[in-house]
PDB file of N, CA and C in Angstrom:
ATOM      1  N   MET A   1     -10.523  -3.677  14.774  1.00  0.00           N
ATOM      2  CA  MET A   1      -9.429  -3.170  15.236  1.00  0.00           C
ATOM      3  C   MET A   1      -8.612  -2.514  14.253  1.00  0.00           C
ATOM      4  N   ALA A   2      -8.139  -1.318  13.710  1.00  0.00           N
ATOM      5  CA  ALA A   2      -7.693  -1.070  12.737  1.00  0.00           C
ATOM      6  C   ALA A   2      -6.779  -1.994  12.742  1.00  0.00           C
ATOM      7  N   VAL A   3      -5.788  -2.319  11.463  1.00  0.00           N
ATOM      8  CA  VAL A   3      -5.054  -2.123  10.700  1.00  0.00           C
ATOM      9  C   VAL A   3      -3.815  -1.806  10.112  1.00  0.00           C
ATOM     10  N   ILE A   4      -2.751  -1.356   9.809  1.00  0.00           N
ATOM     11  CA  ILE A   4      -1.789  -0.634   9.465  1.00  0.00           C
ATOM     12  C   ILE A   4      -0.317  -2.259   8.544  1.00  0.00           C
ATOM     13  N   ARG A   5      -0.382  -2.216   7.166  1.00  0.00           N
ATOM     14  CA  ARG A   5      -0.032  -3.091   6.359  1.00  0.00           C
ATOM     15  C   ARG A   5       1.512  -2.050   5.522  1.00  0.00           C
ATOM     16  N   THR A   6       2.666  -2.113   6.234  1.00  0.00           N
ATOM     17  CA  THR A   6       3.409  -1.853   5.626  1.00  0.00           C
ATOM     18  C   THR A   6       4.832  -1.973   4.071  1.00  0.00           C
ATOM     19  N   THR A   7       4.685  -2.022   2.977  1.00  0.00           N
ATOM     20  CA  THR A   7       5.420  -2.216   2.485  1.00  0.00           C
ATOM     21  C   THR A   7       6.289  -1.453   2.152  1.00  0.00           C
ATOM     22  N   ARG A   8       7.756  -2.207   2.134  1.00  0.00           N
ATOM     23  CA  ARG A   8       9.000  -1.374   1.618  1.00  0.00           C
ATOM     24  C   ARG A   8       9.933  -2.048   0.868  1.00  0.00           C
ATOM     25  N   PHE A   9      10.273  -0.936  -0.505  1.00  0.00           N
ATOM     26  CA  PHE A   9      10.071  -1.452  -2.010  1.00  0.00           C
ATOM     27  C   PHE A   9      11.528  -0.563  -2.333  1.00  0.00           C
ATOM     28  N   THR A  10      11.813  -0.824  -2.382  1.00  0.00           N
ATOM     29  CA  THR A  10      12.499  -0.084  -3.947  1.00  0.00           C
ATOM     30  C   THR A  10      12.454  -0.258  -5.010  1.00  0.00           C
ATOM     31  N   VAL A  11      13.224   0.792  -6.071  1.00  0.00           N
ATOM     32  CA  VAL A  11      12.526   1.558  -7.497  1.00  0.00           C
ATOM     33  C   VAL A  11      13.388   1.939  -7.409  1.00  0.00           C
ATOM     34  N   ASP A  12      14.094   1.503  -9.349  1.00  0.00           N
ATOM     35  CA  ASP A  12      14.812   3.002  -9.418  1.00  0.00           C
ATOM     36  C   ASP A  12      14.480   4.054  -9.744  1.00  0.00           C
ATOM     37  N   PRO A  13      15.477   4.984  -9.941  1.00  0.00           N
ATOM     38  CA  PRO A  13      15.296   6.537 -10.232  1.00  0.00           C
ATOM     39  C   PRO A  13      14.441   6.843 -11.321  1.00  0.00           C
ATOM     40  N   VAL A  14      14.689   5.859 -12.324  1.00  0.00           N
ATOM     41  CA  VAL A  14      14.005   6.027 -13.523  1.00  0.00           C
ATOM     42  C   VAL A  14      13.174   5.591 -13.839  1.00  0.00           C
ATOM     43  N   ASP A  15      12.063   4.807 -13.187  1.00  0.00           N
ATOM     44  CA  ASP A  15      11.007   4.214 -12.954  1.00  0.00           C
ATOM     45  C   ASP A  15       9.917   4.720 -11.894  1.00  0.00           C
ATOM     46  N   VAL A  16      10.769   5.914 -11.462  1.00  0.00           N
ATOM     47  CA  VAL A  16       9.775   6.710  -9.821  1.00  0.00           C
ATOM     48  C   VAL A  16       8.138   7.044 -10.418  1.00  0.00           C
ATOM     49  N   GLU A  17       8.474   7.669 -11.561  1.00  0.00           N
ATOM     50  CA  GLU A  17       7.105   8.251 -12.151  1.00  0.00           C
ATOM     51  C   GLU A  17       6.609   7.020 -13.064  1.00  0.00           C
ATOM     52  N   THR A  18       6.616   6.146 -13.581  1.00  0.00           N
ATOM     53  CA  THR A  18       5.702   4.557 -13.680  1.00  0.00           C
ATOM     54  C   THR A  18       5.272   4.268 -12.439  1.00  0.00           C
ATOM     55  N   MET A  19       6.237   4.596 -11.631  1.00  0.00           N
ATOM     56  CA  MET A  19       5.785   3.726 -10.108  1.00  0.00           C
ATOM     57  C   MET A  19       4.712   4.395  -9.098  1.00  0.00           C
ATOM     58  N   LEU A  20       4.901   5.436  -9.448  1.00  0.00           N
ATOM     59  CA  LEU A  20       3.633   6.322  -8.652  1.00  0.00           C
ATOM     60  C   LEU A  20       2.067   7.031  -9.402  1.00  0.00           C
ATOM     61  N   ALA A  21       2.609   6.463 -11.008  1.00  0.00           N
ATOM     62  CA  ALA A  21       1.011   6.493 -11.635  1.00  0.00           C
ATOM     63  C   ALA A  21       0.420   5.117 -11.114  1.00  0.00           C
ATOM     64  N   ARG A  22       1.813   4.259 -11.570  1.00  0.00           N
ATOM     65  CA  ARG A  22       0.750   2.856 -11.158  1.00  0.00           C
ATOM     66  C   ARG A  22       0.541   2.708  -9.688  1.00  0.00           C
ATOM     67  N   ARG A  23       0.868   2.882  -8.626  1.00  0.00           N
ATOM     68  CA  ARG A  23       1.123   2.944  -7.032  1.00  0.00           C
ATOM     69  C   ARG A  23      -0.610   3.598  -7.299  1.00  0.00           C
ATOM     70  N   GLY A  24      -0.823   4.420  -8.543  1.00  0.00           N
ATOM     71  CA  GLY A  24      -2.092   5.483  -8.163  1.00  0.00           C
ATOM     72  C   GLY A  24      -3.681   4.695  -8.570  1.00  0.00           C
ATOM     73  N   GLN A  25      -3.121   4.354  -9.448  1.00  0.00           N
ATOM     74  CA  GLN A  25      -4.298   3.013 -10.107  1.00  0.00           C
ATOM     75  C   GLN A  25      -4.267   2.143  -9.269  1.00  0.00           C
ATOM     76  N   LEU A  26      -3.013   1.674  -8.428  1.00  0.00           N
ATOM     77  CA  LEU A  26      -3.511   0.187  -7.905  1.00  0.00           C
ATOM     78  C   LEU A  26      -3.855   0.665  -6.302  1.00  0.00           C
ATOM     79  N   LEU A  27      -4.638   1.306  -5.999  1.00  0.00           N
ATOM     80  CA  LEU A  27      -4.789   1.901  -4.820  1.00  0.00           C
ATOM     81  C   LEU A  27      -6.286   2.304  -5.260  1.00  0.00           C
ATOM     82  N   ALA A  28      -6.631   2.979  -6.488  1.00  0.00           N
ATOM     83  CA  ALA A  28      -7.864   2.851  -6.708  1.00  0.00           C
ATOM     84  C   ALA A  28      -8.522   1.803  -7.164  1.00  0.00           C
ATOM     85  N   ALA A  29      -8.088   1.182  -8.390  1.00  0.00           N
ATOM     86  CA  ALA A  29      -8.405  -0.703  -7.505  1.00  0.00           C
ATOM     87  C   ALA A  29      -9.069  -1.288  -6.437  1.00  0.00           C
ATOM     88  N   VAL A  30      -8.000  -1.230  -6.131  1.00  0.00           N
ATOM     89  CA  VAL A  30      -8.283  -1.717  -4.277  1.00  0.00           C
ATOM     90  C   VAL A  30      -9.314  -1.137  -3.705  1.00  0.00           C
ATOM     91  N   ARG A  31      -9.639  -0.071  -4.152  1.00  0.00           N
ATOM     92  CA  ARG A  31     -10.572   0.291  -2.687  1.00  0.00           C
ATOM     93  C   ARG A  31     -11.849   0.584  -3.725  1.00  0.00           C
ATOM     94  N   ALA A  32     -12.357   0.646  -4.845  1.00  0.00           N
ATOM     95  CA  ALA A  32     -13.076   0.199  -5.818  1.00  0.00           C
ATOM     96  C   ALA A  32     -13.580  -1.100  -5.347  1.00  0.00           C
ATOM     97  N   ALA A  33     -12.398  -2.762  -5.412  1.00  0.00           N
ATOM     98  CA  ALA A  33     -13.139  -3.456  -5.224  1.00  0.00           C
ATOM     99  C   ALA A  33     -13.245  -4.142  -3.810  1.00  0.00           C
ATOM    100  N   PHE A  34     -12.486  -3.374  -2.968  1.00  0.00           N
ATOM    101  CA  PHE A  34     -12.675  -3.505  -1.896  1.00  0.00           C
ATOM    102  C   PHE A  34     -13.044  -3.025  -0.970  1.00  0.00           C
ATOM    103  N   ALA A  35     -13.186  -3.144   0.897  1.00  0.00           N
ATOM    104  CA  ALA A  35     -13.169  -2.234   1.757  1.00  0.00           C
ATOM    105  C   ALA A  35     -12.743  -1.453   2.039  1.00  0.00           C
ATOM    106  N   GLY A  36     -11.805  -0.273   1.408  1.00  0.00           N
ATOM    107  CA  GLY A  36     -10.585  -0.155   1.918  1.00  0.00           C
ATOM    108  C   GLY A  36      -8.865  -0.015   1.091  1.00  0.00           C
ATOM    109  N   PRO A  37      -8.568   0.416   1.327  1.00  0.00           N
ATOM    110  CA  PRO A  37      -7.686   1.052   3.235  1.00  0.00           C
ATOM    111  C   PRO A  37      -8.354   2.529   2.988  1.00  0.00           C
ATOM    112  N   THR A  38      -8.801   2.552   4.386  1.00  0.00           N
ATOM    113  CA  THR A  38      -9.079   3.600   4.821  1.00  0.00           C
ATOM    114  C   THR A  38      -8.314   5.135   4.785  1.00  0.00           C
ATOM    115  N   GLU A  39      -7.020   4.894   4.495  1.00  0.00           N
ATOM    116  CA  GLU A  39      -5.957   6.164   4.517  1.00  0.00           C
ATOM    117  C   GLU A  39      -4.898   5.173   3.393  1.00  0.00           C
ATOM    118  N   ALA A  40      -3.779   5.850   3.111  1.00  0.00           N
ATOM    119  CA  ALA A  40      -2.571   5.363   2.063  1.00  0.00           C
ATOM    120  C   ALA A  40      -1.728   7.004   2.399  1.00  0.00           C
ATOM    121  N   ARG A  41      -0.625   6.450   2.573  1.00  0.00           N
ATOM    122  CA  ARG A  41       0.459   6.693   2.748  1.00  0.00           C
ATOM    123  C   ARG A  41       1.862   6.518   2.056  1.00  0.00           C
ATOM    124  N   LEU A  42       2.406   7.416   0.837  1.00  0.00           N
ATOM    125  CA  LEU A  42       3.764   6.414   0.545  1.00  0.00           C
ATOM    126  C   LEU A  42       5.508   7.633   0.635  1.00  0.00           C
ATOM    127  N   VAL A  43       5.923   7.344   1.609  1.00  0.00           N
ATOM    128  CA  VAL A  43       6.434   7.114   2.437  1.00  0.00           C
ATOM    129  C   VAL A  43       8.048   7.287   1.348  1.00  0.00           C
ATOM    130  N   ARG A  44       9.616   8.365   1.088  1.00  0.00           N
ATOM    131  CA  ARG A  44      10.255   8.557  -0.001  1.00  0.00           C
ATOM    132  C   ARG A  44      11.386   8.085   1.071  1.00  0.00           C
ATOM    133  N   LEU A  45      12.296   7.285   1.446  1.00  0.00           N
ATOM    134  CA  LEU A  45      13.440   6.721   2.237  1.00  0.00           C
ATOM    135  C   LEU A  45      14.496   7.520   1.594  1.00  0.00           C
ATOM    136  N   ASP A  46      14.874   7.468   0.940  1.00  0.00           N
ATOM    137  CA  ASP A  46      16.027   7.886   0.393  1.00  0.00           C
ATOM    138  C   ASP A  46      15.657   7.756  -1.670  1.00  0.00           C
ATOM    139  N   GLU A  47      16.704   8.311  -2.168  1.00  0.00           N
ATOM    140  CA  GLU A  47      17.023   7.871  -3.835  1.00  0.00           C
ATOM    141  C   GLU A  47      15.764   6.622  -4.861  1.00  0.00           C
ATOM    142  N   GLU A  48      16.087   5.042  -3.587  1.00  0.00           N
ATOM    143  CA  GLU A  48      15.530   4.027  -3.787  1.00  0.00           C
ATOM    144  C   GLU A  48      14.326   3.505  -3.169  1.00  0.00           C
ATOM    145  N   THR A  49      14.417   3.946  -1.886  1.00  0.00           N
ATOM    146  CA  THR A  49      13.881   3.264  -1.413  1.00  0.00           C
ATOM    147  C   THR A  49      12.401   3.723  -0.694  1.00  0.00           C
ATOM    148  N   TRP A  50      11.686   2.909  -0.928  1.00  0.00           N
ATOM    149  CA  TRP A  50      10.045   3.787  -0.295  1.00  0.00           C
ATOM    150  C   TRP A  50       9.519   2.931   0.402  1.00  0.00           C
ATOM    151  N   LEU A  51       8.282   3.377   1.561  1.00  0.00           N
ATOM    152  CA  LEU A  51       7.860   2.809   2.373  1.00  0.00           C
ATOM    153  C   LEU A  51       6.372   3.198   1.765  1.00  0.00           C
ATOM    154  N   ASP A  52       5.327   1.888   1.401  1.00  0.00           N
ATOM    155  CA  ASP A  52       4.178   2.102   1.574  1.00  0.00           C
ATOM    156  C   ASP A  52       3.096   1.976   2.736  1.00  0.00           C
ATOM    157  N   ILE A  53       2.253   2.608   3.004  1.00  0.00           N
ATOM    158  CA  ILE A  53       1.459   2.183   4.119  1.00  0.00           C
ATOM    159  C   ILE A  53       0.206   2.525   4.136  1.00  0.00           C
ATOM    160  N   TRP A  54      -0.857   1.732   4.456  1.00  0.00           N
ATOM    161  CA  TRP A  54      -2.135   1.495   4.446  1.00  0.00           C
ATOM    162  C   TRP A  54      -2.768   1.218   5.320  1.00  0.00           C
ATOM    163  N   ARG A  55      -3.651   1.928   5.907  1.00  0.00           N
ATOM    164  CA  ARG A  55      -4.634   1.211   7.367  1.00  0.00           C
ATOM    165  C   ARG A  55      -5.882   0.991   6.549  1.00  0.00           C
ATOM    166  N   TRP A  56      -6.180   0.067   6.888  1.00  0.00           N
ATOM    167  CA  TRP A  56      -7.768  -0.376   7.385  1.00  0.00           C
ATOM    168  C   TRP A  56      -8.469  -1.108   8.411  1.00  0.00           C
ATOM    169  N   ASP A  57      -9.968  -0.342   7.984  1.00  0.00           N
ATOM    170  CA  ASP A  57     -10.485  -0.852   9.514  1.00  0.00           C
ATOM    171  C   ASP A  57     -10.136  -2.095  10.436  1.00  0.00           C
ATOM    172  N   SER A  58     -10.338  -2.679   9.527  1.00  0.00           N
ATOM    173  CA  SER A  58     -10.185  -3.771   9.891  1.00  0.00           C
ATOM    174  C   SER A  58      -9.381  -5.065   9.483  1.00  0.00           C
ATOM    175  N   GLY A  59      -8.905  -6.094  10.546  1.00  0.00           N
ATOM    176  CA  GLY A  59      -8.420  -7.288   9.622  1.00  0.00           C
ATOM    177  C   GLY A  59      -9.144  -7.788   8.502  1.00  0.00           C
ATOM    178  N   GLU A  60     -10.352  -8.172   8.585  1.00  0.00           N
ATOM    179  CA  GLU A  60     -11.013  -8.744   7.934  1.00  0.00           C
ATOM    180  C   GLU A  60     -11.494  -8.230   6.797  1.00  0.00           C
ATOM    181  N   ALA A  61     -10.742  -6.626   6.986  1.00  0.00           N
ATOM    182  CA  ALA A  61     -11.495  -5.886   5.778  1.00  0.00           C
ATOM    183  C   ALA A  61      -9.768  -6.453   4.488  1.00  0.00           C
ATOM    184  N   LEU A  62      -9.166  -6.193   5.589  1.00  0.00           N
ATOM    185  CA  LEU A  62      -7.488  -6.221   4.515  1.00  0.00           C
ATOM    186  C   LEU A  62      -7.422  -7.963   4.859  1.00  0.00           C
ATOM    187  N   ARG A  63      -7.717  -9.052   4.826  1.00  0.00           N
ATOM    188  CA  ARG A  63      -7.831 -10.406   4.541  1.00  0.00           C
ATOM    189  C   ARG A  63      -8.330 -10.768   2.719  1.00  0.00           C
ATOM    190  N   ALA A  64      -9.403  -9.542   3.128  1.00  0.00           N
ATOM    191  CA  ALA A  64     -10.484  -9.582   1.962  1.00  0.00           C
ATOM    192  C   ALA A  64      -9.688  -8.780   0.352  1.00  0.00           C
ATOM    193  N   ALA A  65      -9.044  -8.215   0.913  1.00  0.00           N
ATOM    194  CA  ALA A  65      -8.061  -7.653  -0.279  1.00  0.00           C
ATOM    195  C   ALA A  65      -6.845  -8.203  -0.164  1.00  0.00           C
ATOM    196  N   LEU A  66      -6.279  -9.164   0.540  1.00  0.00           N
ATOM    197  CA  LEU A  66      -5.394  -9.434   0.232  1.00  0.00           C
ATOM    198  C   LEU A  66      -5.260 -10.848  -0.589  1.00  0.00           C
ATOM    199  N   GLU A  67      -7.012 -11.545  -0.392  1.00  0.00           N
ATOM    200  CA  GLU A  67      -7.275 -12.440  -1.110  1.00  0.00           C
ATOM    201  C   GLU A  67      -7.910 -12.225  -2.435  1.00  0.00           C
ATOM    202  N   GLY A  68      -8.147 -11.375  -3.419  1.00  0.00           N
ATOM    203  CA  GLY A  68      -8.237 -10.940  -4.194  1.00  0.00           C
ATOM    204  C   GLY A  68      -7.917  -9.833  -5.311  1.00  0.00           C
ATOM    205  N   ALA A  69      -6.286  -9.161  -4.253  1.00  0.00           N
ATOM    206  CA  ALA A  69      -5.953  -7.831  -4.969  1.00  0.00           C
ATOM    207  C   ALA A  69      -5.033  -8.452  -5.418  1.00  0.00           C
ATOM    208  N   PRO A  70      -4.623  -9.575  -5.226  1.00  0.00           N
ATOM    209  CA  PRO A  70      -3.008  -9.922  -5.875  1.00  0.00           C
ATOM    210  C   PRO A  70      -3.831 -10.532  -8.314  1.00  0.00           C
ATOM    211  N   GLY A  71      -5.467 -10.612  -7.929  1.00  0.00           N
ATOM    212  CA  GLY A  71      -5.992 -10.901  -9.253  1.00  0.00           C
ATOM    213  C   GLY A  71      -6.145  -9.748  -9.792  1.00  0.00           C
ATOM    214  N   LEU A  72      -5.518  -8.861  -9.271  1.00  0.00           N
ATOM    215  CA  LEU A  72      -6.371  -6.539  -9.848  1.00  0.00           C
ATOM    216  C   LEU A  72      -4.603  -7.094 -10.972  1.00  0.00           C
ATOM    217  N   PRO A  73      -5.110  -6.419 -12.702  1.00  0.00           N
ATOM    218  CA  PRO A  73      -4.013  -6.129 -13.482  1.00  0.00           C
ATOM    219  C   PRO A  73      -3.293  -5.215 -12.527  1.00  0.00           C
ATOM    220  N   GLU A  74      -3.717  -4.340 -12.391  1.00  0.00           N
ATOM    221  CA  GLU A  74      -2.999  -3.310 -10.962  1.00  0.00           C
ATOM    222  C   GLU A  74      -2.102  -3.788 -10.365  1.00  0.00           C
ATOM    223  N   ALA A  75      -2.473  -5.194  -9.607  1.00  0.00           N
ATOM    224  CA  ALA A  75      -1.246  -4.980  -9.276  1.00  0.00           C
ATOM    225  C   ALA A  75      -0.451  -5.366  -9.613  1.00  0.00           C
ATOM    226  N   GLY A  76      -0.275  -6.536 -10.725  1.00  0.00           N
ATOM    227  CA  GLY A  76       1.224  -6.916 -11.652  1.00  0.00           C
ATOM    228  C   GLY A  76       2.091  -5.859 -12.556  1.00  0.00           C
ATOM    229  N   ALA A  77       0.772  -5.018 -12.439  1.00  0.00           N
ATOM    230  CA  ALA A  77       1.407  -3.973 -13.051  1.00  0.00           C
ATOM    231  C   ALA A  77       2.383  -2.567 -11.980  1.00  0.00           C
ATOM    232  N   ALA A  78       2.077  -2.549 -11.098  1.00  0.00           N
ATOM    233  CA  ALA A  78       2.446  -1.534  -9.342  1.00  0.00           C
ATOM    234  C   ALA A  78       3.850  -2.465  -9.035  1.00  0.00           C
ATOM    235  N   PHE A  79       3.922  -3.462  -9.285  1.00  0.00           N
ATOM    236  CA  PHE A  79       4.919  -4.498  -8.819  1.00  0.00           C
ATOM    237  C   PHE A  79       5.797  -4.410 -10.063  1.00  0.00           C
ATOM    238  N   ALA A  80       5.837  -4.610 -10.821  1.00  0.00           N
ATOM    239  CA  ALA A  80       6.644  -4.814 -11.724  1.00  0.00           C
ATOM    240  C   ALA A  80       7.433  -4.393 -12.057  1.00  0.00           C
ATOM    241  N   VAL A  81       7.644  -3.107 -11.691  1.00  0.00           N
ATOM    242  CA  VAL A  81       8.480  -1.766 -11.373  1.00  0.00           C
ATOM    243  C   VAL A  81       9.485  -1.535 -10.076  1.00  0.00           C
ATOM    244  N   THR A  82       8.937  -2.491  -8.868  1.00  0.00           N
ATOM    245  CA  THR A  82       9.016  -2.811  -7.705  1.00  0.00           C
ATOM    246  C   THR A  82      10.302  -3.661  -7.345  1.00  0.00           C
ATOM    247  N   ARG A  83      11.128  -3.876  -6.484  1.00  0.00           N
ATOM    248  CA  ARG A  83      12.300  -4.790  -6.058  1.00  0.00           C
ATOM    249  C   ARG A  83      11.712  -4.752  -4.589  1.00  0.00           C
ATOM    250  N   ASP A  84      12.723  -6.104  -4.212  1.00  0.00           N
ATOM    251  CA  ASP A  84      12.892  -6.251  -2.827  1.00  0.00           C
ATOM    252  C   ASP A  84      12.441  -5.601  -2.031  1.00  0.00           C
ATOM    253  N   ALA A  85      10.848  -6.205  -2.448  1.00  0.00           N
ATOM    254  CA  ALA A  85       9.982  -5.902  -1.443  1.00  0.00           C
ATOM    255  C   ALA A  85       9.618  -7.093  -0.255  1.00  0.00           C
ATOM    256  N   SER A  86       9.436  -5.792   0.630  1.00  0.00           N
ATOM    257  CA  SER A  86       8.989  -6.809   2.329  1.00  0.00           C
ATOM    258  C   SER A  86       8.239  -6.093   2.827  1.00  0.00           C
ATOM    259  N   VAL A  87       7.343  -6.644   4.012  1.00  0.00           N
ATOM    260  CA  VAL A  87       5.588  -6.411   4.188  1.00  0.00           C
ATOM    261  C   VAL A  87       5.859  -6.429   5.297  1.00  0.00           C
ATOM    262  N   GLU A  88       5.417  -5.858   6.167  1.00  0.00           N
ATOM    263  CA  GLU A  88       4.728  -5.838   7.325  1.00  0.00           C
ATOM    264  C   GLU A  88       3.741  -5.489   8.022  1.00  0.00           C
ATOM    265  N   GLN A  89       3.062  -6.083   8.990  1.00  0.00           N
ATOM    266  CA  GLN A  89       1.180  -5.086   9.093  1.00  0.00           C
ATOM    267  C   GLN A  89       1.334  -5.659  10.844  1.00  0.00           C
ATOM    268  N   GLY A  90       0.467  -5.199  11.505  1.00  0.00           N
ATOM    269  CA  GLY A  90       0.168  -5.130  13.138  1.00  0.00           C
ATOM    270  C   GLY A  90      -1.023  -4.208  13.601  1.00  0.00           C
ATOM    271  N   ASP A  91      -1.581  -4.551  14.322  1.00  0.00           N
ATOM    272  CA  ASP A  91      -3.225  -4.157  14.415  1.00  0.00           C
ATOM    273  C   ASP A  91      -2.376  -3.078  15.600  1.00  0.00           C
ATOM    274  N   VAL A  92      -3.202  -1.421  15.233  1.00  0.00           N
ATOM    275  CA  VAL A  92      -3.144  -0.351  15.711  1.00  0.00           C
ATOM    276  C   VAL A  92      -3.824  -0.438  16.899  1.00  0.00           C
ATOM    277  N   VAL A  93      -2.956  -0.270  18.570  1.00  0.00           N
ATOM    278  CA  VAL A  93      -3.169  -0.295  20.125  1.00  0.00           C
ATOM    279  C   VAL A  93      -3.250   1.384  20.886  1.00  0.00           C
ATOM    280  N   ASP A  94      -2.841   1.984  20.158  1.00  0.00           N
ATOM    281  CA  ASP A  94      -2.803   3.316  19.931  1.00  0.00           C
ATOM    282  C   ASP A  94      -3.361   4.642  19.376  1.00  0.00           C
ATOM    283  N   GLU A  95      -3.762   5.531  19.588  1.00  0.00           N
ATOM    284  CA  GLU A  95      -3.565   6.965  18.621  1.00  0.00           C
ATOM    285  C   GLU A  95      -3.793   7.858  19.125  1.00  0.00           C
ATOM    286  N   ASP A  96      -3.277   8.720  18.458  1.00  0.00           N
ATOM    287  CA  ASP A  96      -3.326  10.151  18.880  1.00  0.00           C
ATOM    288  C   ASP A  96      -3.402  11.042  17.217  1.00  0.00           C
ATOM    289  N   VAL A  97      -4.907  11.318  17.060  1.00  0.00           N
ATOM    290  CA  VAL A  97      -5.014  11.390  15.687  1.00  0.00           C
ATOM    291  C   VAL A  97      -5.357  13.375  15.847  1.00  0.00           C
ATOM    292  N   TRP A  98      -4.609  14.097  15.064  1.00  0.00           N
ATOM    293  CA  TRP A  98      -4.411  15.605  15.610  1.00  0.00           C
ATOM    294  C   TRP A  98      -5.211  15.942  13.953  1.00  0.00           C
ATOM    295  N   ALA A  99      -6.113  16.807  14.646  1.00  0.00           N
ATOM    296  CA  ALA A  99      -6.692  17.427  13.739  1.00  0.00           C
ATOM    297  C   ALA A  99      -5.954  19.092  12.704  1.00  0.00           C
ATOM    298  N   ARG A 100      -6.375  18.685  12.057  1.00  0.00           N
ATOM    299  CA  ARG A 100      -5.665  19.086  10.551  1.00  0.00           C
ATOM    300  C   ARG A 100      -6.108  20.510  10.467  1.00  0.00           C
TER     301      ARG A 100
END
């Protein structure tokens, strides 16, 4: 069953470009080291608040990444420019996917 993990965080507006670059590096490193995520979306809620939504094909794939990703240098660098991070995750129980 697919799993969605959402991280809510804030970033000082002067650090947005740095955050975007480091997030991209983290996403690439996680995908190279683990099975996923299969989709990632970044949502800006206001000038400082962001939601980073990553989809995993299974809870097992997410757990493997959660165990190993903290050791990636890209993880520390990405989170160094964020603050007030909180995480939620849950199983996808229904989907209506539209063709683009």
